[in-house]
Structure formats: C-alpha cells, structure tokens
Amino acid sequence: VKFINENTGFAVGWKGTIIKTTDSGLTWQKIESSIDTWFLSIDFINKLQGWIVGNPGNILFTTDGGFTWNIDNSGVMHNLQKVKFNPGINTGWIVGGRGIILRTIDNGNNWQFQSGGETVHFNALYFIDKDEGWVVGDFGSLLKTTDGGITWITVESGTTRHLNHIQFIHNNPNIAWIVGDGGTILHTTNRGE
C-alpha cells in the first residue's frame, strides 16, 4: 500500500492486481495491469511517477499518476520484493530473491545490479538519506551501505529468523525497528552500531 497524499493511494497484489483510491480508502477502483503475476511492492516519488515490482523480475512504471502502467525490463528472473525511491534525488532501489539489489540513479530509466555479497532472499530496504541504507532478508540477513548502495557490508543481526521489514523514525534516524518471522522484533537506538 502506498498513499501519495491523504486521499490518493494504491495497493498491489496477486494476479496483477492494482487498485486505487481517491477518497482515503473508502472505495477502491481496479486498474488494468496487463500482467497476470504477483505484485509485491509499490512506491511513488511524486503524484505522477511510480513503480511496482513483483514476480518473476517484473517492474512496472507510471508517469501519469497510475492511470496507465508500462512494463520495464529488470534483467532478472527472480522475485522482486521491495521498491523504494528517495524523492527528489532520482535514486531508487529494488531488492529481491537470490541477493538481488538493483539501483537506479536516473528515475528508473536504467537499473544496475549491485552485489550485496549474499545469495539469500532480500525482503525489504530503507534509506535514511541518499547515502545510508539498510537491507533485511532471510536467515537474519542485514546489510548496510554508506555510499548510496555502491558497496554493502554485512551487519550481525543476532538472529537466523527471516527478517521482513525495517523502519527508521523519520525525525530521528538513530531509532529503528526490524520485524521478522516467529514474532522477531529487533530495535536500535544508535543506528545499528
């Protein structure tokens, strides 16, 4: 689910489902995607430009606020789990199966593969700013970058559970939570140090 303002939001899911609300979620309208696949994540950088990722390696993008969606080639055939853009800097990332990390520095026109040094399934990512970002994945995988995703280092998470989501506090990037399978909750108050 991604809301681009207090009224307009999108959700994606199974069998190419894309739905949109313009009344804060009271009603939802289906949007044609032309792909019968599982969409897993959606993100927008403004009210017009957005991206959807899913299986197997599908990327869709819109430049008209989600009225139409175009297919982009990711160059991979593995699940793409999460897409995240940093508004205002033209940079975005996608993570997915088999250690996939894709990065764009031109608003999604081109995607480059980045090596995180892992082969596990990555489930989520979060960037604090244009340089510092985190990726979480299966078997307790936790990676960090301080150069915009050019290089990644492995950070000890203290668990072997699958980690599914990471969230930092917007006005205090020292505080974050990671959640995972089996009720796993990890918390930091010092940016993971």
C-alpha atoms as a PDB file:
ATOM      1  CA  VAL A   1       0.000   0.000   0.000  1.00  0.00           C
ATOM      2  CA  LYS A   2       1.285   3.481  -0.874  1.00  0.00           C
ATOM      3  CA  PHE A   3      -0.548   6.752  -0.309  1.00  0.00           C
ATOM      4  CA  ILE A   4       0.755   9.734  -2.278  1.00  0.00           C
ATOM      5  CA  ASN A   5      -1.388  12.185  -0.333  1.00  0.00           C
ATOM      6  CA  GLU A   6      -4.170  11.970   2.263  1.00  0.00           C
ATOM      7  CA  ASN A   7      -6.768  10.932  -0.337  1.00  0.00           C
ATOM      8  CA  THR A   8      -4.980   9.035  -3.101  1.00  0.00           C
ATOM      9  CA  GLY A   9      -3.447   5.633  -2.531  1.00  0.00           C
ATOM     10  CA  PHE A  10      -2.598   2.404  -4.321  1.00  0.00           C
ATOM     11  CA  ALA A  11      -2.371  -1.261  -3.366  1.00  0.00           C
ATOM     12  CA  VAL A  12      -0.964  -4.176  -5.343  1.00  0.00           C
ATOM     13  CA  GLY A  13      -1.217  -7.937  -5.077  1.00  0.00           C
ATOM     14  CA  TRP A  14      -1.968 -11.323  -6.581  1.00  0.00           C
ATOM     15  CA  LYS A  15      -2.672 -11.901 -10.299  1.00  0.00           C
ATOM     16  CA  GLY A  16      -1.572  -8.423 -11.392  1.00  0.00           C
ATOM     17  CA  THR A  17      -3.897  -6.601  -9.021  1.00  0.00           C
ATOM     18  CA  ILE A  18      -3.550  -2.815  -8.887  1.00  0.00           C
ATOM     19  CA  ILE A  19      -6.229  -0.861  -7.048  1.00  0.00           C
ATOM     20  CA  LYS A  20      -6.517   2.871  -6.426  1.00  0.00           C
ATOM     21  CA  THR A  21      -8.472   5.030  -4.012  1.00  0.00           C
ATOM     22  CA  THR A  22      -9.106   8.762  -4.258  1.00  0.00           C
ATOM     23  CA  ASP A  23     -11.268   9.023  -1.130  1.00  0.00           C
ATOM     24  CA  SER A  24      -8.856   7.934   1.618  1.00  0.00           C
ATOM     25  CA  GLY A  25      -9.649   4.246   1.175  1.00  0.00           C
ATOM     26  CA  LEU A  26     -13.437   4.348   1.389  1.00  0.00           C
ATOM     27  CA  THR A  27     -13.697   2.948  -2.143  1.00  0.00           C
ATOM     28  CA  TRP A  28     -11.158   1.318  -4.456  1.00  0.00           C
ATOM     29  CA  GLN A  29     -11.083   1.024  -8.259  1.00  0.00           C
ATOM     30  CA  LYS A  30      -9.224  -1.685 -10.156  1.00  0.00           C
ATOM     31  CA  ILE A  31      -6.608  -0.572 -12.684  1.00  0.00           C
ATOM     32  CA  GLU A  32      -5.658  -2.791 -15.621  1.00  0.00           C
ATOM     33  CA  SER A  33      -2.065  -4.055 -15.417  1.00  0.00           C
ATOM     34  CA  SER A  34      -1.995  -6.457 -18.415  1.00  0.00           C
ATOM     35  CA  ILE A  35       0.244  -8.853 -16.422  1.00  0.00           C
ATOM     36  CA  ASP A  36      -1.014 -11.925 -14.588  1.00  0.00           C
ATOM     37  CA  THR A  37       1.626 -12.054 -11.857  1.00  0.00           C
ATOM     38  CA  TRP A  38       2.115 -11.338  -8.177  1.00  0.00           C
ATOM     39  CA  PHE A  39       2.952  -7.706  -7.429  1.00  0.00           C
ATOM     40  CA  LEU A  40       4.716  -7.260  -4.092  1.00  0.00           C
ATOM     41  CA  SER A  41       5.592  -3.575  -3.681  1.00  0.00           C
ATOM     42  CA  ILE A  42       4.707  -0.112  -4.947  1.00  0.00           C
ATOM     43  CA  ASP A  43       6.336   3.288  -4.466  1.00  0.00           C
ATOM     44  CA  PHE A  44       5.850   6.804  -5.816  1.00  0.00           C
ATOM     45  CA  ILE A  45       8.266   9.742  -5.843  1.00  0.00           C
ATOM     46  CA  ASN A  46       5.551  12.296  -6.614  1.00  0.00           C
ATOM     47  CA  LYS A  47       1.909  12.293  -7.651  1.00  0.00           C
ATOM     48  CA  LEU A  48       2.741  11.184 -11.218  1.00  0.00           C
ATOM     49  CA  GLN A  49       5.748   8.839 -11.118  1.00  0.00           C
ATOM     50  CA  GLY A  50       5.536   5.401  -9.526  1.00  0.00           C
ATOM     51  CA  TRP A  51       6.909   1.866  -9.732  1.00  0.00           C
ATOM     52  CA  ILE A  52       5.604  -1.629  -8.984  1.00  0.00           C
ATOM     53  CA  VAL A  53       7.745  -4.760  -8.582  1.00  0.00           C
ATOM     54  CA  GLY A  54       6.879  -8.430  -8.345  1.00  0.00           C
ATOM     55  CA  ASN A  55       7.420 -11.933  -9.671  1.00  0.00           C
ATOM     56  CA  PRO A  56       9.366 -13.006 -11.678  1.00  0.00           C
ATOM     57  CA  GLY A  57      11.513  -9.917 -12.074  1.00  0.00           C
ATOM     58  CA  ASN A  58       8.680  -7.645 -13.180  1.00  0.00           C
ATOM     59  CA  ILE A  59       8.958  -3.863 -12.959  1.00  0.00           C
ATOM     60  CA  LEU A  60       6.077  -1.617 -13.967  1.00  0.00           C
ATOM     61  CA  PHE A  61       6.155   2.181 -14.001  1.00  0.00           C
ATOM     62  CA  THR A  62       3.715   5.031 -14.449  1.00  0.00           C
ATOM     63  CA  THR A  63       4.248   8.650 -15.396  1.00  0.00           C
ATOM     64  CA  ASP A  64       0.579   9.659 -15.287  1.00  0.00           C
ATOM     65  CA  GLY A  65      -0.373   9.057 -11.667  1.00  0.00           C
ATOM     66  CA  GLY A  66      -1.204   5.378 -12.067  1.00  0.00           C
ATOM     67  CA  PHE A  67      -3.776   5.605 -14.857  1.00  0.00           C
ATOM     68  CA  THR A  68      -1.516   3.520 -17.107  1.00  0.00           C
ATOM     69  CA  TRP A  69       1.375   1.190 -16.242  1.00  0.00           C
ATOM     70  CA  ASN A  70       4.258   0.291 -18.564  1.00  0.00           C
ATOM     71  CA  ILE A  71       6.495  -2.768 -18.339  1.00  0.00           C
ATOM     72  CA  ASP A  72      10.219  -2.270 -17.771  1.00  0.00           C
ATOM     73  CA  ASN A  73      12.892  -4.955 -18.105  1.00  0.00           C
ATOM     74  CA  SER A  74      14.695  -5.670 -14.825  1.00  0.00           C
ATOM     75  CA  GLY A  75      17.145  -8.081 -16.410  1.00  0.00           C
ATOM     76  CA  VAL A  76      16.456 -10.708 -13.720  1.00  0.00           C
ATOM     77  CA  MET A  77      14.038 -13.615 -13.414  1.00  0.00           C
ATOM     78  CA  HIS A  78      13.818 -13.776  -9.621  1.00  0.00           C
ATOM     79  CA  ASN A  79      11.208 -12.319  -7.314  1.00  0.00           C
ATOM     80  CA  LEU A  80      11.495  -8.575  -6.774  1.00  0.00           C
ATOM     81  CA  GLN A  81      10.272  -7.983  -3.260  1.00  0.00           C
ATOM     82  CA  LYS A  82      10.519  -4.258  -2.488  1.00  0.00           C
ATOM     83  CA  VAL A  83      10.970  -0.987  -4.404  1.00  0.00           C
ATOM     84  CA  LYS A  84      11.947   2.234  -2.666  1.00  0.00           C
ATOM     85  CA  PHE A  85      12.799   5.678  -4.057  1.00  0.00           C
ATOM     86  CA  ASN A  86      14.230   8.702  -2.321  1.00  0.00           C
ATOM     87  CA  PRO A  87      12.105  11.603  -3.587  1.00  0.00           C
ATOM     88  CA  GLY A  88      13.991  14.481  -5.130  1.00  0.00           C
ATOM     89  CA  ILE A  89      17.262  12.674  -5.908  1.00  0.00           C
ATOM     90  CA  ASN A  90      16.272  10.391  -8.844  1.00  0.00           C
ATOM     91  CA  THR A  91      17.665   7.378  -6.975  1.00  0.00           C
ATOM     92  CA  GLY A  92      15.833   4.168  -6.165  1.00  0.00           C
ATOM     93  CA  TRP A  93      16.488   0.587  -5.165  1.00  0.00           C
ATOM     94  CA  ILE A  94      14.849  -2.804  -5.596  1.00  0.00           C
ATOM     95  CA  VAL A  95      15.616  -5.918  -3.552  1.00  0.00           C
ATOM     96  CA  GLY A  96      14.548  -9.490  -4.121  1.00  0.00           C
ATOM     97  CA  GLY A  97      15.376 -13.165  -4.362  1.00  0.00           C
ATOM     98  CA  ARG A  98      18.889 -14.600  -4.517  1.00  0.00           C
ATOM     99  CA  GLY A  99      20.518 -11.481  -3.116  1.00  0.00           C
ATOM    100  CA  ILE A 100      19.256  -9.136  -5.814  1.00  0.00           C
ATOM    101  CA  ILE A 101      19.842  -5.439  -5.282  1.00  0.00           C
ATOM    102  CA  LEU A 102      19.061  -3.149  -8.206  1.00  0.00           C
ATOM    103  CA  ARG A 103      19.817   0.585  -8.197  1.00  0.00           C
ATOM    104  CA  THR A 104      18.800   3.442 -10.453  1.00  0.00           C
ATOM    105  CA  ILE A 105      20.231   6.953 -10.431  1.00  0.00           C
ATOM    106  CA  ASP A 106      18.081   8.243 -13.315  1.00  0.00           C
ATOM    107  CA  ASN A 107      14.489   7.877 -12.082  1.00  0.00           C
ATOM    108  CA  GLY A 108      14.179   4.245 -13.118  1.00  0.00           C
ATOM    109  CA  ASN A 109      15.249   4.639 -16.732  1.00  0.00           C
ATOM    110  CA  ASN A 110      18.150   2.234 -16.148  1.00  0.00           C
ATOM    111  CA  TRP A 111      18.656  -0.332 -13.381  1.00  0.00           C
ATOM    112  CA  GLN A 112      22.096  -1.630 -12.377  1.00  0.00           C
ATOM    113  CA  PHE A 113      22.742  -4.818 -10.442  1.00  0.00           C
ATOM    114  CA  GLN A 114      24.630  -4.341  -7.170  1.00  0.00           C
ATOM    115  CA  SER A 115      26.248  -7.074  -5.171  1.00  0.00           C
ATOM    116  CA  GLY A 116      25.355  -7.346  -1.525  1.00  0.00           C
ATOM    117  CA  GLY A 117      27.590 -10.390  -1.130  1.00  0.00           C
ATOM    118  CA  GLU A 118      24.631 -12.587  -0.170  1.00  0.00           C
ATOM    119  CA  THR A 119      22.538 -15.128  -2.051  1.00  0.00           C
ATOM    120  CA  VAL A 120      19.545 -15.173   0.292  1.00  0.00           C
ATOM    121  CA  HIS A 121      16.171 -13.618  -0.364  1.00  0.00           C
ATOM    122  CA  PHE A 122      16.107  -9.902   0.496  1.00  0.00           C
ATOM    123  CA  ASN A 123      12.700  -8.739   1.737  1.00  0.00           C
ATOM    124  CA  ALA A 124      12.866  -5.017   2.467  1.00  0.00           C
ATOM    125  CA  LEU A 125      15.056  -1.940   2.462  1.00  0.00           C
ATOM    126  CA  TYR A 126      15.144   1.512   3.965  1.00  0.00           C
ATOM    127  CA  PHE A 127      17.290   4.511   3.090  1.00  0.00           C
ATOM    128  CA  ILE A 128      17.814   7.176   5.737  1.00  0.00           C
ATOM    129  CA  ASP A 129      19.222   9.575   3.141  1.00  0.00           C
ATOM    130  CA  LYS A 130      20.822   9.327  -0.289  1.00  0.00           C
ATOM    131  CA  ASP A 131      23.881   7.516   1.096  1.00  0.00           C
ATOM    132  CA  GLU A 132      22.908   5.404   4.115  1.00  0.00           C
ATOM    133  CA  GLY A 133      20.621   2.438   3.579  1.00  0.00           C
ATOM    134  CA  TRP A 134      19.749  -0.928   5.049  1.00  0.00           C
ATOM    135  CA  VAL A 135      18.515  -4.233   3.580  1.00  0.00           C
ATOM    136  CA  VAL A 136      16.919  -7.111   5.514  1.00  0.00           C
ATOM    137  CA  GLY A 137      16.308 -10.661   4.375  1.00  0.00           C
ATOM    138  CA  ASP A 138      16.064 -14.343   5.103  1.00  0.00           C
ATOM    139  CA  PHE A 139      18.169 -16.120   7.740  1.00  0.00           C
ATOM    140  CA  GLY A 140      18.751 -12.888   9.677  1.00  0.00           C
ATOM    141  CA  SER A 141      20.416 -11.107   6.762  1.00  0.00           C
ATOM    142  CA  LEU A 142      21.141  -7.448   7.478  1.00  0.00           C
ATOM    143  CA  LEU A 143      23.212  -5.263   5.148  1.00  0.00           C
ATOM    144  CA  LYS A 144      24.228  -1.613   5.327  1.00  0.00           C
ATOM    145  CA  THR A 145      25.574   0.896   2.805  1.00  0.00           C
ATOM    146  CA  THR A 146      27.026   4.341   3.446  1.00  0.00           C
ATOM    147  CA  ASP A 147      27.774   5.203  -0.189  1.00  0.00           C
ATOM    148  CA  GLY A 148      24.338   5.070  -1.795  1.00  0.00           C
ATOM    149  CA  GLY A 149      24.379   1.337  -2.368  1.00  0.00           C
ATOM    150  CA  ILE A 150      27.605   1.130  -4.342  1.00  0.00           C
ATOM    151  CA  THR A 151      29.033  -1.165  -1.653  1.00  0.00           C
ATOM    152  CA  TRP A 152      27.287  -3.147   1.071  1.00  0.00           C
ATOM    153  CA  ILE A 153      28.584  -4.586   4.334  1.00  0.00           C
ATOM    154  CA  THR A 154      27.037  -7.388   6.366  1.00  0.00           C
ATOM    155  CA  VAL A 155      25.901  -6.425   9.862  1.00  0.00           C
ATOM    156  CA  GLU A 156      25.274  -9.045  12.568  1.00  0.00           C
ATOM    157  CA  SER A 157      21.532  -9.122  13.312  1.00  0.00           C
ATOM    158  CA  GLY A 158      21.704 -11.608  16.181  1.00  0.00           C
ATOM    159  CA  THR A 159      19.046 -13.880  14.669  1.00  0.00           C
ATOM    160  CA  THR A 160      18.655 -16.530  11.980  1.00  0.00           C
ATOM    161  CA  ARG A 161      14.938 -15.784  11.523  1.00  0.00           C
ATOM    162  CA  HIS A 162      13.717 -14.313   8.253  1.00  0.00           C
ATOM    163  CA  LEU A 163      13.616 -10.509   8.569  1.00  0.00           C
ATOM    164  CA  ASN A 164      10.715  -8.972   6.651  1.00  0.00           C
ATOM    165  CA  HIS A 165      10.597  -5.214   7.251  1.00  0.00           C
ATOM    166  CA  ILE A 166      12.767  -2.351   8.500  1.00  0.00           C
ATOM    167  CA  GLN A 167      11.607   1.105   9.540  1.00  0.00           C
ATOM    168  CA  PHE A 168      13.535   4.096  10.866  1.00  0.00           C
ATOM    169  CA  ILE A 169      11.932   7.054  12.640  1.00  0.00           C
ATOM    170  CA  HIS A 170      11.823   9.926  10.145  1.00  0.00           C
ATOM    171  CA  ASN A 171      12.888  12.673  12.523  1.00  0.00           C
ATOM    172  CA  ASN A 172      15.403  10.523  14.438  1.00  0.00           C
ATOM    173  CA  PRO A 173      17.407   8.194  12.162  1.00  0.00           C
ATOM    174  CA  ASN A 174      19.147   6.596  15.154  1.00  0.00           C
ATOM    175  CA  ILE A 175      15.964   4.704  16.067  1.00  0.00           C
ATOM    176  CA  ALA A 176      14.748   1.749  14.004  1.00  0.00           C
ATOM    177  CA  TRP A 177      12.813  -1.498  14.206  1.00  0.00           C
ATOM    178  CA  ILE A 178      13.110  -4.683  12.208  1.00  0.00           C
ATOM    179  CA  VAL A 179      10.379  -7.332  12.277  1.00  0.00           C
ATOM    180  CA  GLY A 180      10.545 -10.913  11.112  1.00  0.00           C
ATOM    181  CA  ASP A 181       9.211 -14.424  11.313  1.00  0.00           C
ATOM    182  CA  GLY A 182       8.237 -16.038  14.600  1.00  0.00           C
ATOM    183  CA  GLY A 183       7.474 -12.710  16.272  1.00  0.00           C
ATOM    184  CA  THR A 184      11.039 -11.431  15.831  1.00  0.00           C
ATOM    185  CA  ILE A 185      11.417  -7.761  16.709  1.00  0.00           C
ATOM    186  CA  LEU A 186      14.815  -6.057  16.614  1.00  0.00           C
ATOM    187  CA  HIS A 187      15.310  -2.481  17.847  1.00  0.00           C
ATOM    188  CA  THR A 188      18.170   0.000  17.771  1.00  0.00           C
ATOM    189  CA  THR A 189      18.605   3.445  19.290  1.00  0.00           C
ATOM    190  CA  ASN A 190      22.099   4.000  17.871  1.00  0.00           C
ATOM    191  CA  ARG A 191      21.675   3.383  14.122  1.00  0.00           C
ATOM    192  CA  GLY A 192      22.583  -0.281  14.470  1.00  0.00           C
ATOM    193  CA  GLU A 193      26.040   0.269  15.990  1.00  0.00           C
END
